[in-house]
PDB file of N, CA and C in Angstrom:
ATOM      1  N   MET A   1      13.700  73.944  71.451  1.00  0.00           N
ATOM      2  CA  MET A   1      14.688  73.673  70.420  1.00  0.00           C
ATOM      3  C   MET A   1      16.038  74.239  70.855  1.00  0.00           C
ATOM      4  N   ILE A   2      17.046  73.405  70.871  1.00  0.00           N
ATOM      5  CA  ILE A   2      18.386  73.834  71.245  1.00  0.00           C
ATOM      6  C   ILE A   2      19.110  74.315  69.997  1.00  0.00           C
ATOM      7  N   VAL A   3      19.705  75.492  70.084  1.00  0.00           N
ATOM      8  CA  VAL A   3      20.438  76.074  68.970  1.00  0.00           C
ATOM      9  C   VAL A   3      21.920  75.764  69.169  1.00  0.00           C
ATOM     10  N   SER A   4      22.561  75.224  68.141  1.00  0.00           N
ATOM     11  CA  SER A   4      23.988  74.912  68.253  1.00  0.00           C
ATOM     12  C   SER A   4      24.800  76.204  68.238  1.00  0.00           C
ATOM     13  N   LEU A   5      26.005  76.121  68.758  1.00  0.00           N
ATOM     14  CA  LEU A   5      26.878  77.293  68.772  1.00  0.00           C
ATOM     15  C   LEU A   5      27.100  77.834  67.363  1.00  0.00           C
ATOM     16  N   ALA A   6      27.257  76.955  66.386  1.00  0.00           N
ATOM     17  CA  ALA A   6      27.529  77.383  65.011  1.00  0.00           C
ATOM     18  C   ALA A   6      26.365  78.143  64.383  1.00  0.00           C
ATOM     19  N   GLU A   7      25.166  77.986  64.941  1.00  0.00           N
ATOM     20  CA  GLU A   7      23.991  78.679  64.407  1.00  0.00           C
ATOM     21  C   GLU A   7      23.805  80.068  65.028  1.00  0.00           C
ATOM     22  N   LYS A   8      24.535  80.347  66.084  1.00  0.00           N
ATOM     23  CA  LYS A   8      24.420  81.642  66.754  1.00  0.00           C
ATOM     24  C   LYS A   8      25.336  82.659  66.093  1.00  0.00           C
ATOM     25  N   LYS A   9      25.152  83.916  66.437  1.00  0.00           N
ATOM     26  CA  LYS A   9      26.010  84.994  65.943  1.00  0.00           C
ATOM     27  C   LYS A   9      26.810  85.561  67.103  1.00  0.00           C
ATOM     28  N   CYS A  10      28.021  85.982  66.790  1.00  0.00           N
ATOM     29  CA  CYS A  10      28.861  86.611  67.799  1.00  0.00           C
ATOM     30  C   CYS A  10      28.284  87.974  68.164  1.00  0.00           C
ATOM     31  N   THR A  11      28.412  88.326  69.427  1.00  0.00           N
ATOM     32  CA  THR A  11      27.976  89.628  69.916  1.00  0.00           C
ATOM     33  C   THR A  11      29.216  90.449  70.223  1.00  0.00           C
ATOM     34  N   PRO A  12      29.390  91.607  69.574  1.00  0.00           N
ATOM     35  CA  PRO A  12      30.577  92.415  69.856  1.00  0.00           C
ATOM     36  C   PRO A  12      30.653  92.794  71.332  1.00  0.00           C
ATOM     37  N   CYS A  13      31.838  92.655  71.904  1.00  0.00           N
ATOM     38  CA  CYS A  13      32.044  92.983  73.318  1.00  0.00           C
ATOM     39  C   CYS A  13      32.445  94.447  73.434  1.00  0.00           C
ATOM     40  N   GLN A  14      31.750  95.166  74.271  1.00  0.00           N
ATOM     41  CA  GLN A  14      32.064  96.570  74.510  1.00  0.00           C
ATOM     42  C   GLN A  14      32.988  96.739  75.715  1.00  0.00           C
ATOM     43  N   GLY A  15      33.388  95.632  76.308  1.00  0.00           N
ATOM     44  CA  GLY A  15      34.202  95.692  77.519  1.00  0.00           C
ATOM     45  C   GLY A  15      33.299  95.794  78.729  1.00  0.00           C
ATOM     46  N   GLY A  16      33.886  95.708  79.902  1.00  0.00           N
ATOM     47  CA  GLY A  16      33.119  95.849  81.127  1.00  0.00           C
ATOM     48  C   GLY A  16      32.292  94.640  81.511  1.00  0.00           C
ATOM     49  N   VAL A  17      32.422  93.543  80.775  1.00  0.00           N
ATOM     50  CA  VAL A  17      31.706  92.319  81.139  1.00  0.00           C
ATOM     51  C   VAL A  17      32.723  91.329  81.705  1.00  0.00           C
ATOM     52  N   PRO A  18      32.308  90.527  82.651  1.00  0.00           N
ATOM     53  CA  PRO A  18      33.259  89.559  83.206  1.00  0.00           C
ATOM     54  C   PRO A  18      33.464  88.393  82.244  1.00  0.00           C
ATOM     55  N   PRO A  19      34.652  87.794  82.254  1.00  0.00           N
ATOM     56  CA  PRO A  19      34.844  86.586  81.453  1.00  0.00           C
ATOM     57  C   PRO A  19      34.008  85.447  82.022  1.00  0.00           C
ATOM     58  N   LEU A  20      33.783  84.440  81.206  1.00  0.00           N
ATOM     59  CA  LEU A  20      33.031  83.270  81.659  1.00  0.00           C
ATOM     60  C   LEU A  20      33.741  82.602  82.832  1.00  0.00           C
ATOM     61  N   GLU A  21      32.950  82.061  83.722  1.00  0.00           N
ATOM     62  CA  GLU A  21      33.507  81.248  84.805  1.00  0.00           C
ATOM     63  C   GLU A  21      34.159  80.013  84.173  1.00  0.00           C
ATOM     64  N   ALA A  22      35.196  79.498  84.802  1.00  0.00           N
ATOM     65  CA  ALA A  22      35.932  78.343  84.272  1.00  0.00           C
ATOM     66  C   ALA A  22      35.016  77.151  84.021  1.00  0.00           C
ATOM     67  N   GLU A  23      34.066  76.934  84.908  1.00  0.00           N
ATOM     68  CA  GLU A  23      33.144  75.802  84.765  1.00  0.00           C
ATOM     69  C   GLU A  23      32.256  75.959  83.527  1.00  0.00           C
ATOM     70  N   THR A  24      31.766  77.160  83.298  1.00  0.00           N
ATOM     71  CA  THR A  24      30.927  77.436  82.124  1.00  0.00           C
ATOM     72  C   THR A  24      31.743  77.274  80.843  1.00  0.00           C
ATOM     73  N   ALA A  25      32.969  77.802  80.848  1.00  0.00           N
ATOM     74  CA  ALA A  25      33.839  77.675  79.678  1.00  0.00           C
ATOM     75  C   ALA A  25      34.137  76.203  79.381  1.00  0.00           C
ATOM     76  N   ALA A  26      34.372  75.421  80.414  1.00  0.00           N
ATOM     77  CA  ALA A  26      34.649  73.990  80.227  1.00  0.00           C
ATOM     78  C   ALA A  26      33.448  73.266  79.622  1.00  0.00           C
ATOM     79  N   GLU A  27      32.245  73.653  80.025  1.00  0.00           N
ATOM     80  CA  GLU A  27      31.033  73.042  79.454  1.00  0.00           C
ATOM     81  C   GLU A  27      30.886  73.408  77.979  1.00  0.00           C
ATOM     82  N   LEU A  28      31.138  74.672  77.639  1.00  0.00           N
ATOM     83  CA  LEU A  28      31.043  75.095  76.242  1.00  0.00           C
ATOM     84  C   LEU A  28      32.113  74.417  75.390  1.00  0.00           C
ATOM     85  N   LEU A  29      33.295  74.207  75.958  1.00  0.00           N
ATOM     86  CA  LEU A  29      34.372  73.553  75.221  1.00  0.00           C
ATOM     87  C   LEU A  29      33.960  72.154  74.764  1.00  0.00           C
ATOM     88  N   LYS A  30      33.138  71.490  75.542  1.00  0.00           N
ATOM     89  CA  LYS A  30      32.673  70.144  75.193  1.00  0.00           C
ATOM     90  C   LYS A  30      31.858  70.134  73.901  1.00  0.00           C
ATOM     91  N   GLU A  31      31.310  71.296  73.523  1.00  0.00           N
ATOM     92  CA  GLU A  31      30.507  71.387  72.300  1.00  0.00           C
ATOM     93  C   GLU A  31      31.369  71.584  71.052  1.00  0.00           C
ATOM     94  N   LEU A  32      32.671  71.769  71.246  1.00  0.00           N
ATOM     95  CA  LEU A  32      33.577  72.020  70.127  1.00  0.00           C
ATOM     96  C   LEU A  32      34.393  70.775  69.811  1.00  0.00           C
ATOM     97  N   ASP A  33      34.822  70.675  68.552  1.00  0.00           N
ATOM     98  CA  ASP A  33      35.597  69.526  68.099  1.00  0.00           C
ATOM     99  C   ASP A  33      37.090  69.860  68.076  1.00  0.00           C
ATOM    100  N   ALA A  34      37.842  69.263  68.991  1.00  0.00           N
ATOM    101  CA  ALA A  34      39.310  69.353  69.022  1.00  0.00           C
ATOM    102  C   ALA A  34      39.856  70.743  69.357  1.00  0.00           C
ATOM    103  N   TRP A  35      39.049  71.591  69.929  1.00  0.00           N
ATOM    104  CA  TRP A  35      39.535  72.866  70.447  1.00  0.00           C
ATOM    105  C   TRP A  35      40.012  72.626  71.875  1.00  0.00           C
ATOM    106  N   SER A  36      40.933  73.466  72.325  1.00  0.00           N
ATOM    107  CA  SER A  36      41.430  73.344  73.694  1.00  0.00           C
ATOM    108  C   SER A  36      41.743  74.733  74.240  1.00  0.00           C
ATOM    109  N   PHE A  37      42.024  74.790  75.533  1.00  0.00           N
ATOM    110  CA  PHE A  37      42.487  76.025  76.157  1.00  0.00           C
ATOM    111  C   PHE A  37      44.013  76.008  76.116  1.00  0.00           C
ATOM    112  N   ASN A  38      44.618  77.100  75.653  1.00  0.00           N
ATOM    113  CA  ASN A  38      46.076  77.169  75.660  1.00  0.00           C
ATOM    114  C   ASN A  38      46.560  77.702  77.015  1.00  0.00           C
ATOM    115  N   ASP A  39      47.846  77.952  77.137  1.00  0.00           N
ATOM    116  CA  ASP A  39      48.422  78.393  78.412  1.00  0.00           C
ATOM    117  C   ASP A  39      47.879  79.737  78.887  1.00  0.00           C
ATOM    118  N   GLN A  40      47.376  80.552  77.972  1.00  0.00           N
ATOM    119  CA  GLN A  40      46.801  81.850  78.336  1.00  0.00           C
ATOM    120  C   GLN A  40      45.310  81.757  78.645  1.00  0.00           C
ATOM    121  N   GLY A  41      44.743  80.562  78.505  1.00  0.00           N
ATOM    122  CA  GLY A  41      43.314  80.390  78.734  1.00  0.00           C
ATOM    123  C   GLY A  41      42.469  80.750  77.528  1.00  0.00           C
ATOM    124  N   HIS A  42      43.109  80.920  76.369  1.00  0.00           N
ATOM    125  CA  HIS A  42      42.394  81.229  75.133  1.00  0.00           C
ATOM    126  C   HIS A  42      42.007  79.927  74.438  1.00  0.00           C
ATOM    127  N   LEU A  43      40.991  79.988  73.598  1.00  0.00           N
ATOM    128  CA  LEU A  43      40.635  78.839  72.763  1.00  0.00           C
ATOM    129  C   LEU A  43      41.652  78.715  71.637  1.00  0.00           C
ATOM    130  N   GLU A  44      42.025  77.484  71.308  1.00  0.00           N
ATOM    131  CA  GLU A  44      43.009  77.290  70.252  1.00  0.00           C
ATOM    132  C   GLU A  44      42.768  75.965  69.542  1.00  0.00           C
ATOM    133  N   LYS A  45      43.003  76.001  68.230  1.00  0.00           N
ATOM    134  CA  LYS A  45      42.907  74.775  67.429  1.00  0.00           C
ATOM    135  C   LYS A  45      43.852  74.886  66.250  1.00  0.00           C
ATOM    136  N   THR A  46      44.505  73.785  65.929  1.00  0.00           N
ATOM    137  CA  THR A  46      45.338  73.718  64.737  1.00  0.00           C
ATOM    138  C   THR A  46      44.654  72.809  63.725  1.00  0.00           C
ATOM    139  N   TYR A  47      44.380  73.371  62.565  1.00  0.00           N
ATOM    140  CA  TYR A  47      43.805  72.618  61.455  1.00  0.00           C
ATOM    141  C   TYR A  47      44.972  72.122  60.595  1.00  0.00           C
ATOM    142  N   VAL A  48      44.910  70.884  60.152  1.00  0.00           N
ATOM    143  CA  VAL A  48      45.992  70.281  59.380  1.00  0.00           C
ATOM    144  C   VAL A  48      45.513  70.023  57.951  1.00  0.00           C
ATOM    145  N   PHE A  49      46.388  70.373  56.997  1.00  0.00           N
ATOM    146  CA  PHE A  49      46.087  70.235  55.572  1.00  0.00           C
ATOM    147  C   PHE A  49      47.252  69.530  54.876  1.00  0.00           C
ATOM    148  N   ASP A  50      47.083  69.226  53.594  1.00  0.00           N
ATOM    149  CA  ASP A  50      48.105  68.505  52.834  1.00  0.00           C
ATOM    150  C   ASP A  50      49.019  69.401  52.007  1.00  0.00           C
ATOM    151  N   ASP A  51      48.822  70.706  52.065  1.00  0.00           N
ATOM    152  CA  ASP A  51      49.635  71.614  51.266  1.00  0.00           C
ATOM    153  C   ASP A  51      49.616  73.003  51.902  1.00  0.00           C
ATOM    154  N   PHE A  52      50.129  73.998  51.207  1.00  0.00           N
ATOM    155  CA  PHE A  52      50.114  75.365  51.727  1.00  0.00           C
ATOM    156  C   PHE A  52      48.864  76.123  51.285  1.00  0.00           C
ATOM    157  N   LYS A  53      48.395  75.816  50.094  1.00  0.00           N
ATOM    158  CA  LYS A  53      47.259  76.547  49.530  1.00  0.00           C
ATOM    159  C   LYS A  53      45.996  76.401  50.379  1.00  0.00           C
ATOM    160  N   ALA A  54      45.689  75.200  50.839  1.00  0.00           N
ATOM    161  CA  ALA A  54      44.443  74.957  51.583  1.00  0.00           C
ATOM    162  C   ALA A  54      44.373  75.756  52.889  1.00  0.00           C
ATOM    163  N   PRO A  55      45.421  75.763  53.731  1.00  0.00           N
ATOM    164  CA  PRO A  55      45.312  76.572  54.948  1.00  0.00           C
ATOM    165  C   PRO A  55      45.277  78.067  54.642  1.00  0.00           C
ATOM    166  N   PHE A  56      45.955  78.479  53.570  1.00  0.00           N
ATOM    167  CA  PHE A  56      45.915  79.887  53.170  1.00  0.00           C
ATOM    168  C   PHE A  56      44.489  80.292  52.793  1.00  0.00           C
ATOM    169  N   GLU A  57      43.840  79.473  51.976  1.00  0.00           N
ATOM    170  CA  GLU A  57      42.464  79.769  51.571  1.00  0.00           C
ATOM    171  C   GLU A  57      41.507  79.711  52.761  1.00  0.00           C
ATOM    172  N   PHE A  58      41.735  78.766  53.669  1.00  0.00           N
ATOM    173  CA  PHE A  58      40.892  78.677  54.861  1.00  0.00           C
ATOM    174  C   PHE A  58      41.079  79.917  55.735  1.00  0.00           C
ATOM    175  N   ALA A  59      42.313  80.395  55.849  1.00  0.00           N
ATOM    176  CA  ALA A  59      42.576  81.622  56.621  1.00  0.00           C
ATOM    177  C   ALA A  59      41.815  82.804  56.021  1.00  0.00           C
ATOM    178  N   GLN A  60      41.754  82.871  54.701  1.00  0.00           N
ATOM    179  CA  GLN A  60      40.992  83.939  54.051  1.00  0.00           C
ATOM    180  C   GLN A  60      39.508  83.840  54.406  1.00  0.00           C
ATOM    181  N   ARG A  61      38.972  82.636  54.400  1.00  0.00           N
ATOM    182  CA  ARG A  61      37.552  82.443  54.739  1.00  0.00           C
ATOM    183  C   ARG A  61      37.294  82.811  56.201  1.00  0.00           C
ATOM    184  N   ILE A  62      38.228  82.445  57.083  1.00  0.00           N
ATOM    185  CA  ILE A  62      38.108  82.810  58.497  1.00  0.00           C
ATOM    186  C   ILE A  62      38.140  84.330  58.632  1.00  0.00           C
ATOM    187  N   GLY A  63      39.020  84.980  57.882  1.00  0.00           N
ATOM    188  CA  GLY A  63      39.110  86.440  57.922  1.00  0.00           C
ATOM    189  C   GLY A  63      37.816  87.116  57.497  1.00  0.00           C
ATOM    190  N   LEU A  64      37.195  86.605  56.450  1.00  0.00           N
ATOM    191  CA  LEU A  64      35.913  87.165  56.007  1.00  0.00           C
ATOM    192  C   LEU A  64      34.831  86.955  57.059  1.00  0.00           C
ATOM    193  N   MET A  65      34.823  85.772  57.671  1.00  0.00           N
ATOM    194  CA  MET A  65      33.851  85.515  58.727  1.00  0.00           C
ATOM    195  C   MET A  65      34.112  86.427  59.924  1.00  0.00           C
ATOM    196  N   ALA A  66      35.379  86.652  60.238  1.00  0.00           N
ATOM    197  CA  ALA A  66      35.731  87.519  61.366  1.00  0.00           C
ATOM    198  C   ALA A  66      35.163  88.924  61.163  1.00  0.00           C
ATOM    199  N   GLU A  67      35.279  89.436  59.967  1.00  0.00           N
ATOM    200  CA  GLU A  67      34.718  90.757  59.675  1.00  0.00           C
ATOM    201  C   GLU A  67      33.195  90.742  59.786  1.00  0.00           C
ATOM    202  N   GLU A  68      32.580  89.695  59.264  1.00  0.00           N
ATOM    203  CA  GLU A  68      31.119  89.568  59.315  1.00  0.00           C
ATOM    204  C   GLU A  68      30.616  89.454  60.757  1.00  0.00           C
ATOM    205  N   GLN A  69      31.333  88.705  61.576  1.00  0.00           N
ATOM    206  CA  GLN A  69      30.923  88.468  62.962  1.00  0.00           C
ATOM    207  C   GLN A  69      31.465  89.530  63.924  1.00  0.00           C
ATOM    208  N   TRP A  70      32.342  90.391  63.426  1.00  0.00           N
ATOM    209  CA  TRP A  70      32.977  91.428  64.237  1.00  0.00           C
ATOM    210  C   TRP A  70      33.675  90.803  65.452  1.00  0.00           C
ATOM    211  N   HIS A  71      34.389  89.717  65.162  1.00  0.00           N
ATOM    212  CA  HIS A  71      35.119  88.974  66.197  1.00  0.00           C
ATOM    213  C   HIS A  71      36.380  88.445  65.523  1.00  0.00           C
ATOM    214  N   HIS A  72      37.542  88.862  66.000  1.00  0.00           N
ATOM    215  CA  HIS A  72      38.773  88.659  65.240  1.00  0.00           C
ATOM    216  C   HIS A  72      39.792  87.796  65.989  1.00  0.00           C
ATOM    217  N   PRO A  73      40.127  86.635  65.430  1.00  0.00           N
ATOM    218  CA  PRO A  73      41.090  85.739  66.069  1.00  0.00           C
ATOM    219  C   PRO A  73      42.529  86.098  65.688  1.00  0.00           C
ATOM    220  N   ASP A  74      43.461  85.511  66.384  1.00  0.00           N
ATOM    221  CA  ASP A  74      44.848  85.499  65.937  1.00  0.00           C
ATOM    222  C   ASP A  74      45.008  84.223  65.122  1.00  0.00           C
ATOM    223  N   MET A  75      45.744  84.322  64.023  1.00  0.00           N
ATOM    224  CA  MET A  75      45.958  83.148  63.183  1.00  0.00           C
ATOM    225  C   MET A  75      47.443  83.006  62.873  1.00  0.00           C
ATOM    226  N   HIS A  76      47.907  81.771  62.852  1.00  0.00           N
ATOM    227  CA  HIS A  76      49.283  81.470  62.472  1.00  0.00           C
ATOM    228  C   HIS A  76      49.231  80.478  61.314  1.00  0.00           C
ATOM    229  N   LEU A  77      49.739  80.922  60.168  1.00  0.00           N
ATOM    230  CA  LEU A  77      49.716  80.121  58.950  1.00  0.00           C
ATOM    231  C   LEU A  77      51.094  79.514  58.713  1.00  0.00           C
ATOM    232  N   ALA A  78      51.131  78.234  58.439  1.00  0.00           N
ATOM    233  CA  ALA A  78      52.366  77.534  58.094  1.00  0.00           C
ATOM    234  C   ALA A  78      52.027  76.484  57.041  1.00  0.00           C
ATOM    235  N   TRP A  79      53.056  75.895  56.437  1.00  0.00           N
ATOM    236  CA  TRP A  79      52.805  74.870  55.436  1.00  0.00           C
ATOM    237  C   TRP A  79      52.014  73.741  56.084  1.00  0.00           C
ATOM    238  N   GLY A  80      50.824  73.476  55.541  1.00  0.00           N
ATOM    239  CA  GLY A  80      49.998  72.373  56.009  1.00  0.00           C
ATOM    240  C   GLY A  80      49.261  72.606  57.313  1.00  0.00           C
ATOM    241  N   ARG A  81      49.334  73.823  57.855  1.00  0.00           N
ATOM    242  CA  ARG A  81      48.687  74.077  59.153  1.00  0.00           C
ATOM    243  C   ARG A  81      48.157  75.505  59.232  1.00  0.00           C
ATOM    244  N   LEU A  82      47.054  75.631  59.948  1.00  0.00           N
ATOM    245  CA  LEU A  82      46.546  76.940  60.343  1.00  0.00           C
ATOM    246  C   LEU A  82      46.115  76.814  61.797  1.00  0.00           C
ATOM    247  N   THR A  83      46.740  77.602  62.660  1.00  0.00           N
ATOM    248  CA  THR A  83      46.368  77.622  64.067  1.00  0.00           C
ATOM    249  C   THR A  83      45.559  78.882  64.325  1.00  0.00           C
ATOM    250  N   ILE A  84      44.422  78.701  64.962  1.00  0.00           N
ATOM    251  CA  ILE A  84      43.536  79.818  65.291  1.00  0.00           C
ATOM    252  C   ILE A  84      43.454  79.927  66.806  1.00  0.00           C
ATOM    253  N   GLU A  85      43.627  81.146  67.297  1.00  0.00           N
ATOM    254  CA  GLU A  85      43.527  81.435  68.729  1.00  0.00           C
ATOM    255  C   GLU A  85      42.432  82.484  68.912  1.00  0.00           C
ATOM    256  N   VAL A  86      41.480  82.177  69.778  1.00  0.00           N
ATOM    257  CA  VAL A  86      40.310  83.039  69.958  1.00  0.00           C
ATOM    258  C   VAL A  86      40.151  83.405  71.431  1.00  0.00           C
ATOM    259  N   TRP A  87      39.936  84.676  71.677  1.00  0.00           N
ATOM    260  CA  TRP A  87      39.560  85.186  72.993  1.00  0.00           C
ATOM    261  C   TRP A  87      39.036  86.589  72.791  1.00  0.00           C
ATOM    262  N   THR A  88      38.396  87.128  73.796  1.00  0.00           N
ATOM    263  CA  THR A  88      37.858  88.483  73.692  1.00  0.00           C
ATOM    264  C   THR A  88      38.909  89.445  74.223  1.00  0.00           C
ATOM    265  N   HIS A  89      39.511  90.180  73.297  1.00  0.00           N
ATOM    266  CA  HIS A  89      40.634  91.052  73.623  1.00  0.00           C
ATOM    267  C   HIS A  89      40.279  92.119  74.656  1.00  0.00           C
ATOM    268  N   LYS A  90      39.088  92.691  74.546  1.00  0.00           N
ATOM    269  CA  LYS A  90      38.714  93.805  75.436  1.00  0.00           C
ATOM    270  C   LYS A  90      38.669  93.421  76.906  1.00  0.00           C
ATOM    271  N   ILE A  91      38.439  92.144  77.190  1.00  0.00           N
ATOM    272  CA  ILE A  91      38.396  91.718  78.598  1.00  0.00           C
ATOM    273  C   ILE A  91      39.489  90.697  78.906  1.00  0.00           C
ATOM    274  N   ASN A  92      40.304  90.386  77.890  1.00  0.00           N
ATOM    275  CA  ASN A  92      41.368  89.388  78.014  1.00  0.00           C
ATOM    276  C   ASN A  92      40.853  88.099  78.660  1.00  0.00           C
ATOM    277  N   GLY A  93      39.735  87.639  78.147  1.00  0.00           N
ATOM    278  CA  GLY A  93      39.116  86.421  78.658  1.00  0.00           C
ATOM    279  C   GLY A  93      38.154  85.866  77.628  1.00  0.00           C
ATOM    280  N   LEU A  94      37.409  84.861  78.029  1.00  0.00           N
ATOM    281  CA  LEU A  94      36.471  84.197  77.128  1.00  0.00           C
ATOM    282  C   LEU A  94      35.031  84.565  77.439  1.00  0.00           C
ATOM    283  N   VAL A  95      34.256  84.761  76.375  1.00  0.00           N
ATOM    284  CA  VAL A  95      32.810  84.948  76.464  1.00  0.00           C
ATOM    285  C   VAL A  95      32.178  83.952  75.491  1.00  0.00           C
ATOM    286  N   GLU A  96      30.861  83.833  75.519  1.00  0.00           N
ATOM    287  CA  GLU A  96      30.201  82.866  74.646  1.00  0.00           C
ATOM    288  C   GLU A  96      30.547  83.090  73.176  1.00  0.00           C
ATOM    289  N   SER A  97      30.718  84.325  72.753  1.00  0.00           N
ATOM    290  CA  SER A  97      31.030  84.609  71.351  1.00  0.00           C
ATOM    291  C   SER A  97      32.315  83.935  70.887  1.00  0.00           C
ATOM    292  N   ASP A  98      33.266  83.732  71.784  1.00  0.00           N
ATOM    293  CA  ASP A  98      34.499  83.041  71.408  1.00  0.00           C
ATOM    294  C   ASP A  98      34.205  81.596  71.005  1.00  0.00           C
ATOM    295  N   PHE A  99      33.318  80.957  71.728  1.00  0.00           N
ATOM    296  CA  PHE A  99      32.935  79.577  71.433  1.00  0.00           C
ATOM    297  C   PHE A  99      32.079  79.519  70.167  1.00  0.00           C
ATOM    298  N   ILE A 100      31.245  80.525  69.973  1.00  0.00           N
ATOM    299  CA  ILE A 100      30.454  80.620  68.744  1.00  0.00           C
ATOM    300  C   ILE A 100      31.388  80.742  67.549  1.00  0.00           C
ATOM    301  N   PHE A 101      32.386  81.616  67.665  1.00  0.00           N
ATOM    302  CA  PHE A 101      33.338  81.804  66.576  1.00  0.00           C
ATOM    303  C   PHE A 101      34.050  80.489  66.247  1.00  0.00           C
ATOM    304  N   ALA A 102      34.485  79.778  67.275  1.00  0.00           N
ATOM    305  CA  ALA A 102      35.182  78.503  67.069  1.00  0.00           C
ATOM    306  C   ALA A 102      34.282  77.501  66.340  1.00  0.00           C
ATOM    307  N   ALA A 103      33.043  77.408  66.757  1.00  0.00           N
ATOM    308  CA  ALA A 103      32.102  76.480  66.116  1.00  0.00           C
ATOM    309  C   ALA A 103      31.837  76.881  64.669  1.00  0.00           C
ATOM    310  N   ARG A 104      31.737  78.168  64.420  1.00  0.00           N
ATOM    311  CA  ARG A 104      31.502  78.643  63.055  1.00  0.00           C
ATOM    312  C   ARG A 104      32.727  78.390  62.170  1.00  0.00           C
ATOM    313  N   ALA A 105      33.922  78.477  62.752  1.00  0.00           N
ATOM    314  CA  ALA A 105      35.143  78.171  61.995  1.00  0.00           C
ATOM    315  C   ALA A 105      35.123  76.709  61.551  1.00  0.00           C
ATOM    316  N   ASP A 106      34.772  75.825  62.473  1.00  0.00           N
ATOM    317  CA  ASP A 106      34.668  74.407  62.112  1.00  0.00           C
ATOM    318  C   ASP A 106      33.623  74.191  61.019  1.00  0.00           C
ATOM    319  N   ALA A 107      32.511  74.901  61.112  1.00  0.00           N
ATOM    320  CA  ALA A 107      31.449  74.772  60.108  1.00  0.00           C
ATOM    321  C   ALA A 107      31.930  75.253  58.740  1.00  0.00           C
ATOM    322  N   LEU A 108      32.773  76.285  58.721  1.00  0.00           N
ATOM    323  CA  LEU A 108      33.325  76.763  57.448  1.00  0.00           C
ATOM    324  C   LEU A 108      34.169  75.682  56.786  1.00  0.00           C
ATOM    325  N   LEU A 109      34.926  74.966  57.578  1.00  0.00           N
ATOM    326  CA  LEU A 109      35.790  73.927  57.022  1.00  0.00           C
ATOM    327  C   LEU A 109      34.962  72.787  56.439  1.00  0.00           C
ATOM    328  N   THR A 110      33.913  72.398  57.131  1.00  0.00           N
ATOM    329  CA  THR A 110      33.093  71.290  56.638  1.00  0.00           C
ATOM    330  C   THR A 110      32.221  71.704  55.461  1.00  0.00           C
ATOM    331  N   ALA A 111      32.060  73.005  55.247  1.00  0.00           N
ATOM    332  CA  ALA A 111      31.238  73.496  54.137  1.00  0.00           C
ATOM    333  C   ALA A 111      32.009  73.530  52.823  1.00  0.00           C
ATOM    334  N   VAL A 112      33.303  73.236  52.863  1.00  0.00           N
ATOM    335  CA  VAL A 112      34.130  73.296  51.650  1.00  0.00           C
ATOM    336  C   VAL A 112      33.768  72.170  50.713  1.00  0.00           C
TER     337      VAL A 112
END
């Protein structure tokens, strides 16, 4: 049985682990919907909404999930948009938990 990324839990990084190889990260990216690598090599996605309230409320839900998963993204809130940037700060790179977090964020949106 294959477990989807959204069904997994993030594992807190203690540092000292290597970031994912580019090839592995590219394969995991294929499992995500509309996420991409930004110029820093971090995962990034902009969610689009019809007002200010919806992205604000979604940011709150992401924040609660971040605390639960012990994995914290950078977020930029604007009218009608929420951009989420995910990477593992302790190693300044990507690990599987970053992709898990991204998939869980998408699942939160579809659960509304």
